[in-house]
Amino acid sequence: GDLEIALQYAEQELAPRTELNESFMKELESAMSLFAFDQKSIKDSPVADLLNNTQRQNTASLVNAAILKGIHQQKSAKLTTILQTMMV
């Protein structure tokens, strides 16, 4: 299922990139260790902090910035920029 696809992707696409960046390897290992826990025990796991809302928002922002950079646009979406300007 989806777990097998995720593990295969990590092994084939992400693992080779860890040779160039040791910190990426540590982050990848932490993220992949989430698969070792079920829903009940994940809250008590050493990687539970990866699931808190702040971490999720930070991860989403990084992913969005990378996608936008990949398509040669500004780092944040225009709506986000407008909202941030309005709140200042």
N, C-alpha and C. Protein backbone atom coordinates (compact mmCIF):
# COMPACT_ATOMS: atom_id res chain seq x y z
N GLY A 1 0.81 -1.19 0.00
CA GLY A 1 0.00 0.00 0.00
C GLY A 1 0.86 1.25 0.00
N ASP A 2 0.34 2.28 0.59
CA ASP A 2 1.01 3.58 0.63
C ASP A 2 2.33 3.54 1.40
N LEU A 3 2.38 2.74 2.46
CA LEU A 3 3.60 2.62 3.24
C LEU A 3 4.73 2.04 2.40
N GLU A 4 4.42 1.01 1.65
CA GLU A 4 5.43 0.40 0.79
C GLU A 4 5.94 1.39 -0.26
N ILE A 5 5.04 2.17 -0.82
CA ILE A 5 5.42 3.17 -1.82
C ILE A 5 6.32 4.23 -1.19
N ALA A 6 5.96 4.68 0.01
CA ALA A 6 6.77 5.69 0.70
C ALA A 6 8.16 5.16 1.02
N LEU A 7 8.23 3.94 1.51
CA LEU A 7 9.53 3.35 1.83
C LEU A 7 10.38 3.15 0.58
N GLN A 8 9.75 2.71 -0.48
CA GLN A 8 10.47 2.51 -1.74
C GLN A 8 10.99 3.85 -2.28
N TYR A 9 10.17 4.89 -2.20
CA TYR A 9 10.59 6.21 -2.65
C TYR A 9 11.77 6.71 -1.82
N ALA A 10 11.67 6.55 -0.52
CA ALA A 10 12.75 7.00 0.36
C ALA A 10 14.04 6.26 0.06
N GLU A 11 13.93 4.98 -0.17
CA GLU A 11 15.12 4.17 -0.45
C GLU A 11 15.75 4.53 -1.79
N GLN A 12 14.93 4.70 -2.81
CA GLN A 12 15.45 4.93 -4.16
C GLN A 12 15.80 6.38 -4.44
N GLU A 13 14.99 7.31 -3.93
CA GLU A 13 15.17 8.72 -4.30
C GLU A 13 15.87 9.56 -3.22
N LEU A 14 15.53 9.31 -1.98
CA LEU A 14 16.04 10.16 -0.90
C LEU A 14 17.34 9.65 -0.29
N ALA A 15 17.43 8.37 -0.07
CA ALA A 15 18.63 7.81 0.57
C ALA A 15 19.92 8.16 -0.17
N PRO A 16 19.97 8.11 -1.50
CA PRO A 16 21.22 8.48 -2.18
C PRO A 16 21.66 9.93 -1.91
N ARG A 17 20.71 10.80 -1.61
CA ARG A 17 21.04 12.20 -1.36
C ARG A 17 21.67 12.42 0.01
N THR A 18 21.53 11.44 0.90
CA THR A 18 22.08 11.59 2.24
C THR A 18 23.60 11.53 2.25
N GLU A 19 24.17 10.96 1.21
CA GLU A 19 25.63 10.87 1.13
C GLU A 19 26.27 12.25 1.04
N LEU A 20 25.55 13.21 0.53
CA LEU A 20 26.08 14.56 0.35
C LEU A 20 25.78 15.47 1.53
N ASN A 21 24.85 15.07 2.39
CA ASN A 21 24.41 15.95 3.46
C ASN A 21 24.05 15.14 4.69
N GLU A 22 24.92 15.18 5.69
CA GLU A 22 24.71 14.38 6.90
C GLU A 22 23.48 14.82 7.68
N SER A 23 23.20 16.12 7.73
CA SER A 23 22.02 16.58 8.47
C SER A 23 20.74 16.10 7.79
N PHE A 24 20.76 16.01 6.45
CA PHE A 24 19.59 15.48 5.73
C PHE A 24 19.37 14.02 6.11
N MET A 25 20.45 13.29 6.29
CA MET A 25 20.33 11.88 6.67
C MET A 25 19.65 11.76 8.03
N LYS A 26 20.04 12.58 8.99
CA LYS A 26 19.43 12.53 10.32
C LYS A 26 17.94 12.89 10.26
N GLU A 27 17.61 13.90 9.47
CA GLU A 27 16.21 14.30 9.33
C GLU A 27 15.39 13.20 8.64
N LEU A 28 15.97 12.60 7.62
CA LEU A 28 15.28 11.52 6.91
C LEU A 28 15.06 10.33 7.83
N GLU A 29 16.06 9.98 8.62
CA GLU A 29 15.92 8.87 9.57
C GLU A 29 14.81 9.15 10.58
N SER A 30 14.76 10.39 11.07
CA SER A 30 13.70 10.75 12.02
C SER A 30 12.32 10.64 11.38
N ALA A 31 12.20 11.19 10.19
CA ALA A 31 10.91 11.15 9.50
C ALA A 31 10.50 9.71 9.18
N MET A 32 11.42 8.92 8.73
CA MET A 32 11.10 7.53 8.38
C MET A 32 10.77 6.70 9.62
N SER A 33 11.32 7.07 10.77
CA SER A 33 11.03 6.31 11.98
C SER A 33 9.57 6.48 12.42
N LEU A 34 8.88 7.49 11.89
CA LEU A 34 7.46 7.64 12.19
C LEU A 34 6.67 6.40 11.76
N PHE A 35 7.14 5.73 10.72
CA PHE A 35 6.46 4.54 10.23
C PHE A 35 6.55 3.36 11.19
N ALA A 36 7.45 3.42 12.16
CA ALA A 36 7.63 2.31 13.09
C ALA A 36 6.59 2.28 14.21
N PHE A 37 5.81 3.34 14.32
CA PHE A 37 4.87 3.44 15.44
C PHE A 37 3.43 3.44 14.92
N ASP A 38 2.54 2.84 15.72
CA ASP A 38 1.13 2.92 15.37
C ASP A 38 0.54 4.19 15.98
N GLN A 39 -0.71 4.46 15.66
CA GLN A 39 -1.35 5.71 16.10
C GLN A 39 -1.38 5.86 17.62
N LYS A 40 -1.51 4.76 18.34
CA LYS A 40 -1.60 4.83 19.79
C LYS A 40 -0.25 5.10 20.44
N SER A 41 0.81 4.53 19.91
CA SER A 41 2.11 4.66 20.56
C SER A 41 2.95 5.82 20.03
N ILE A 42 2.54 6.45 18.95
CA ILE A 42 3.35 7.53 18.36
C ILE A 42 3.48 8.71 19.32
N LYS A 43 2.46 8.96 20.13
CA LYS A 43 2.49 10.11 21.05
C LYS A 43 3.59 9.98 22.09
N ASP A 44 3.98 8.76 22.41
CA ASP A 44 5.02 8.51 23.41
C ASP A 44 6.37 8.19 22.78
N SER A 45 6.46 8.34 21.47
CA SER A 45 7.70 7.96 20.76
C SER A 45 8.71 9.10 20.81
N PRO A 46 9.98 8.79 20.53
CA PRO A 46 11.02 9.83 20.52
C PRO A 46 10.87 10.83 19.36
N VAL A 47 10.01 10.52 18.41
CA VAL A 47 9.83 11.42 17.26
C VAL A 47 8.45 12.08 17.27
N ALA A 48 7.76 12.04 18.38
CA ALA A 48 6.41 12.61 18.47
C ALA A 48 6.39 14.10 18.16
N ASP A 49 7.49 14.80 18.45
CA ASP A 49 7.54 16.24 18.18
C ASP A 49 7.39 16.57 16.69
N LEU A 50 7.66 15.60 15.82
CA LEU A 50 7.51 15.84 14.39
C LEU A 50 6.04 16.00 13.99
N LEU A 51 5.14 15.58 14.87
CA LEU A 51 3.72 15.62 14.55
C LEU A 51 2.99 16.81 15.17
N ASN A 52 3.67 17.64 15.95
CA ASN A 52 2.94 18.76 16.55
C ASN A 52 2.62 19.81 15.48
N ASN A 53 1.63 20.62 15.75
CA ASN A 53 1.13 21.57 14.75
C ASN A 53 2.17 22.57 14.29
N THR A 54 3.01 23.04 15.18
CA THR A 54 4.06 23.99 14.80
C THR A 54 5.01 23.36 13.80
N GLN A 55 5.42 22.13 14.06
CA GLN A 55 6.32 21.45 13.13
C GLN A 55 5.64 21.20 11.80
N ARG A 56 4.39 20.85 11.82
CA ARG A 56 3.64 20.63 10.57
C ARG A 56 3.57 21.91 9.75
N GLN A 57 3.32 23.03 10.41
CA GLN A 57 3.24 24.31 9.70
C GLN A 57 4.60 24.70 9.13
N ASN A 58 5.65 24.49 9.90
CA ASN A 58 7.00 24.79 9.41
C ASN A 58 7.34 23.92 8.19
N THR A 59 7.00 22.65 8.28
CA THR A 59 7.26 21.74 7.16
C THR A 59 6.47 22.16 5.93
N ALA A 60 5.21 22.49 6.12
CA ALA A 60 4.37 22.92 4.99
C ALA A 60 4.94 24.19 4.35
N SER A 61 5.41 25.12 5.16
CA SER A 61 6.00 26.35 4.62
C SER A 61 7.26 26.06 3.81
N LEU A 62 8.09 25.16 4.33
CA LEU A 62 9.31 24.80 3.60
C LEU A 62 8.99 24.10 2.28
N VAL A 63 8.01 23.22 2.31
CA VAL A 63 7.61 22.52 1.08
C VAL A 63 7.04 23.51 0.07
N ASN A 64 6.17 24.40 0.53
CA ASN A 64 5.59 25.39 -0.37
C ASN A 64 6.66 26.30 -0.97
N ALA A 65 7.61 26.73 -0.16
CA ALA A 65 8.69 27.58 -0.66
C ALA A 65 9.53 26.85 -1.70
N ALA A 66 9.79 25.57 -1.46
CA ALA A 66 10.57 24.79 -2.43
C ALA A 66 9.81 24.61 -3.74
N ILE A 67 8.52 24.38 -3.65
CA ILE A 67 7.71 24.23 -4.86
C ILE A 67 7.70 25.53 -5.65
N LEU A 68 7.45 26.64 -4.95
CA LEU A 68 7.41 27.93 -5.63
C LEU A 68 8.77 28.28 -6.24
N LYS A 69 9.83 27.96 -5.52
CA LYS A 69 11.18 28.20 -6.05
C LYS A 69 11.40 27.36 -7.31
N GLY A 70 10.90 26.13 -7.26
CA GLY A 70 11.06 25.22 -8.39
C GLY A 70 10.36 25.71 -9.65
N ILE A 71 9.30 26.48 -9.45
CA ILE A 71 8.60 27.01 -10.63
C ILE A 71 8.91 28.50 -10.81
N HIS A 72 10.00 28.92 -10.18
CA HIS A 72 10.55 30.27 -10.35
C HIS A 72 9.58 31.38 -9.95
N GLN A 73 8.93 31.20 -8.82
CA GLN A 73 8.07 32.25 -8.30
C GLN A 73 8.64 32.71 -6.97
N GLN A 74 8.02 33.72 -6.41
CA GLN A 74 8.49 34.22 -5.12
C GLN A 74 8.33 33.15 -4.06
N LYS A 75 9.03 33.34 -2.93
CA LYS A 75 9.07 32.31 -1.90
C LYS A 75 7.72 32.03 -1.26
N SER A 76 6.87 33.03 -1.13
CA SER A 76 5.56 32.79 -0.52
C SER A 76 4.47 33.17 -1.51
N ALA A 77 3.34 32.57 -1.33
CA ALA A 77 2.22 32.87 -2.21
C ALA A 77 1.79 34.31 -2.00
N LYS A 78 1.23 34.92 -3.03
CA LYS A 78 0.82 36.32 -2.95
C LYS A 78 -0.19 36.55 -1.86
N LEU A 79 -1.13 35.62 -1.69
CA LEU A 79 -2.14 35.78 -0.65
C LEU A 79 -1.49 35.81 0.72
N THR A 80 -0.52 34.95 0.94
CA THR A 80 0.18 34.93 2.23
C THR A 80 0.88 36.26 2.48
N THR A 81 1.54 36.80 1.45
CA THR A 81 2.23 38.07 1.56
C THR A 81 1.26 39.18 1.88
N ILE A 82 0.11 39.20 1.23
CA ILE A 82 -0.90 40.22 1.47
C ILE A 82 -1.42 40.14 2.89
N LEU A 83 -1.72 38.93 3.35
CA LEU A 83 -2.21 38.75 4.71
C LEU A 83 -1.19 39.17 5.74
N GLN A 84 0.08 38.85 5.51
CA GLN A 84 1.12 39.24 6.44
C GLN A 84 1.26 40.76 6.48
N THR A 85 1.14 41.41 5.35
CA THR A 85 1.23 42.87 5.29
C THR A 85 0.06 43.51 6.04
N MET A 86 -1.11 42.94 5.90
CA MET A 86 -2.30 43.48 6.58
C MET A 86 -2.21 43.34 8.09
N MET A 87 -1.52 42.32 8.58
CA MET A 87 -1.46 42.06 10.01
C MET A 87 -0.40 42.91 10.72
N VAL A 88 0.46 43.54 9.97
CA VAL A 88 1.53 44.33 10.58
C VAL A 88 1.04 45.68 11.00
